C-alpha atoms as a PDB file:
ATOM      1  CA  MET A   1      24.521  13.067  14.229  1.00  0.00           C
ATOM      2  CA  GLY A   2      23.679  14.523  10.914  1.00  0.00           C
ATOM      3  CA  THR A   3      24.560  11.006   8.971  1.00  0.00           C
ATOM      4  CA  VAL A   4      21.951   9.240  11.354  1.00  0.00           C
ATOM      5  CA  ILE A   5      19.455  11.785   9.914  1.00  0.00           C
ATOM      6  CA  GLY A   6      20.171  12.134   6.921  1.00  0.00           C
ATOM      7  CA  LEU A   7      19.268   8.083   6.914  1.00  0.00           C
ATOM      8  CA  THR A   8      16.658   7.839   8.064  1.00  0.00           C
ATOM      9  CA  ALA A   9      14.962  10.418   5.511  1.00  0.00           C
ATOM     10  CA  ILE A  10      15.902   8.565   3.054  1.00  0.00           C
ATOM     11  CA  ALA A  11      14.621   5.921   4.670  1.00  0.00           C
ATOM     12  CA  VAL A  12      11.242   7.482   5.269  1.00  0.00           C
ATOM     13  CA  ALA A  13      11.110   8.273   1.502  1.00  0.00           C
ATOM     14  CA  LEU A  14      11.900   4.102   0.772  1.00  0.00           C
ATOM     15  CA  LEU A  15       9.703   3.485   3.350  1.00  0.00           C
ATOM     16  CA  ILE A  16       6.625   5.887   1.172  1.00  0.00           C
ATOM     17  CA  GLY A  17       7.573   5.808  -2.016  1.00  0.00           C
ATOM     18  CA  LEU A  18       7.757   1.920  -2.123  1.00  0.00           C
ATOM     19  CA  GLY A  19       5.106   1.312   0.037  1.00  0.00           C
ATOM     20  CA  ALA A  20       2.997   3.380  -3.035  1.00  0.00           C
ATOM     21  CA  LEU A  21       4.437   2.008  -5.655  1.00  0.00           C
ATOM     22  CA  GLY A  22       3.370  -1.115  -3.732  1.00  0.00           C
ATOM     23  CA  VAL A  23      -0.317  -0.237  -3.525  1.00  0.00           C
ATOM     24  CA  GLY A  24      -0.696   0.926  -6.324  1.00  0.00           C
ATOM     25  CA  ILE A  25       0.128  -2.872  -8.022  1.00  0.00           C
ATOM     26  CA  GLY A  26      -1.421  -4.505  -6.722  1.00  0.00           C
ATOM     27  CA  MET A  27      -4.493  -2.344  -6.815  1.00  0.00           C
ATOM     28  CA  GLY A  28      -4.054  -2.828  -9.855  1.00  0.00           C
ATOM     29  CA  LEU A  29      -3.740  -6.525 -10.689  1.00  0.00           C
ATOM     30  CA  LEU A  30      -6.850  -6.268  -9.079  1.00  0.00           C
ATOM     31  CA  GLY A  31      -8.317  -4.086 -11.152  1.00  0.00           C
ATOM     32  CA  GLY A  32      -7.717  -5.866 -13.797  1.00  0.00           C
ATOM     33  CA  ARG A  33      -8.305  -9.881 -12.439  1.00  0.00           C
ATOM     34  CA  PHE A  34     -12.152  -8.275 -11.602  1.00  0.00           C
ATOM     35  CA  LEU A  35     -13.701  -6.960 -14.740  1.00  0.00           C
ATOM     36  CA  GLU A  36     -11.374 -10.511 -16.096  1.00  0.00           C
ATOM     37  CA  GLY A  37     -14.050 -12.037 -14.158  1.00  0.00           C
ATOM     38  CA  CYS A  38     -17.352  -9.284 -14.422  1.00  0.00           C
ATOM     39  CA  ALA A  39     -16.712 -10.416 -18.442  1.00  0.00           C
ATOM     40  CA  ARG A  40     -16.701 -14.109 -17.507  1.00  0.00           C
ATOM     41  CA  GLN A  41     -19.551 -14.791 -14.961  1.00  0.00           C
ATOM     42  CA  PRO A  42     -20.840 -10.594 -15.533  1.00  0.00           C
ATOM     43  CA  GLU A  43     -23.771 -12.586 -13.053  1.00  0.00           C
ATOM     44  CA  LEU A  44     -21.380 -12.613  -9.648  1.00  0.00           C
ATOM     45  CA  ALA A  45     -20.658  -8.927 -10.519  1.00  0.00           C
ATOM     46  CA  ASN A  46     -22.223  -8.015  -7.239  1.00  0.00           C
ATOM     47  CA  MET A  47     -20.434 -10.278  -4.907  1.00  0.00           C
ATOM     48  CA  LEU A  48     -16.735 -10.350  -7.076  1.00  0.00           C
ATOM     49  CA  GLN A  49     -17.206  -6.693  -6.825  1.00  0.00           C
ATOM     50  CA  THR A  50     -18.027  -7.266  -3.212  1.00  0.00           C
ATOM     51  CA  LYS A  51     -15.050  -9.132  -2.235  1.00  0.00           C
ATOM     52  CA  MET A  52     -12.906  -6.646  -4.703  1.00  0.00           C
ATOM     53  CA  PHE A  53     -13.462  -3.771  -2.550  1.00  0.00           C
ATOM     54  CA  LEU A  54     -12.948  -5.697   1.681  1.00  0.00           C
ATOM     55  CA  VAL A  55      -9.442  -5.748  -0.637  1.00  0.00           C
ATOM     56  CA  VAL A  56      -8.550  -2.479  -1.538  1.00  0.00           C
ATOM     57  CA  ALA A  57      -8.941  -1.432   1.961  1.00  0.00           C
ATOM     58  CA  LEU A  58      -6.789  -4.343   3.158  1.00  0.00           C
ATOM     59  CA  LEU A  59      -3.783  -2.289   0.362  1.00  0.00           C
ATOM     60  CA  ASP A  60      -5.013   0.974   1.449  1.00  0.00           C
ATOM     61  CA  ALA A  61      -4.834  -0.226   5.460  1.00  0.00           C
ATOM     62  CA  VAL A  62      -1.249  -1.621   4.378  1.00  0.00           C
ATOM     63  CA  ALA A  63       0.481   1.287   2.827  1.00  0.00           C
ATOM     64  CA  MET A  64      -1.567   3.539   6.105  1.00  0.00           C
ATOM     65  CA  ILE A  65       0.422   2.106   7.938  1.00  0.00           C
ATOM     66  CA  GLY A  66       3.412   2.129   5.766  1.00  0.00           C
ATOM     67  CA  VAL A  67       3.566   5.738   6.343  1.00  0.00           C
ATOM     68  CA  GLY A  68       2.384   6.105   9.727  1.00  0.00           C
ATOM     69  CA  ILE A  69       5.723   4.212  11.181  1.00  0.00           C
ATOM     70  CA  ALA A  70       7.597   6.096   8.781  1.00  0.00           C
ATOM     71  CA  LEU A  71       5.874   9.796  10.422  1.00  0.00           C
ATOM     72  CA  PHE A  72       6.634   7.835  13.278  1.00  0.00           C
ATOM     73  CA  PHE A  73      10.387   7.813  12.161  1.00  0.00           C
ATOM     74  CA  ALA A  74      10.164  11.771  10.862  1.00  0.00           C
ATOM     75  CA  PHE A  75       9.251  13.238  14.117  1.00  0.00           C
ATOM     76  CA  ALA A  76      10.419  11.361  16.545  1.00  0.00           C
ATOM     77  CA  ASN A  77      12.737   9.241  15.313  1.00  0.00           C
ATOM     78  CA  PRO A  78      14.848   6.608  18.470  1.00  0.00           C
ATOM     79  CA  PHE A  79      18.061   6.590  16.024  1.00  0.00           C
ATOM     80  CA  VAL A  80      19.444  10.127  17.079  1.00  0.00           C
ATOM     81  CA  GLY A  81      18.905   9.420  21.163  1.00  0.00           C
ATOM     82  CA  GLN A  82      21.015   6.199  20.437  1.00  0.00           C
ATOM     83  CA  PHE A  83      23.306   8.133  18.400  1.00  0.00           C
ATOM     84  CA  GLN A  84      23.858  10.869  21.048  1.00  0.00           C
ATOM     85  CA  ALA A  85      23.726   8.332  24.108  1.00  0.00           C
ATOM     86  CA  ALA A  86      26.562   5.902  22.241  1.00  0.00           C
ATOM     87  CA  VAL A  87      28.362   8.765  21.330  1.00  0.00           C
ATOM     88  CA  GLY A  88      28.149  10.181  24.933  1.00  0.00           C
ATOM     89  CA  GLY A  89      26.825  13.228  23.869  1.00  0.00           C
END
């Protein structure tokens, strides 16, 4: 049972870490493209800013969903019950 809990902890760390890495890279690319767009066409800055904030909110939502799933596995691990049923203990 210790192995199942240990592997779940590693999976939770990877889920949160890689989710944060992906969101960080995505926001960096998004911010860079936003600045490029504003430099090329300053009259569209307000429209681009609105769309950028919408996409940033969606990126953050993806990260929060990943954190929620990770916390579910950390605190209400369904794999421990399945392991105990399979072993018979």
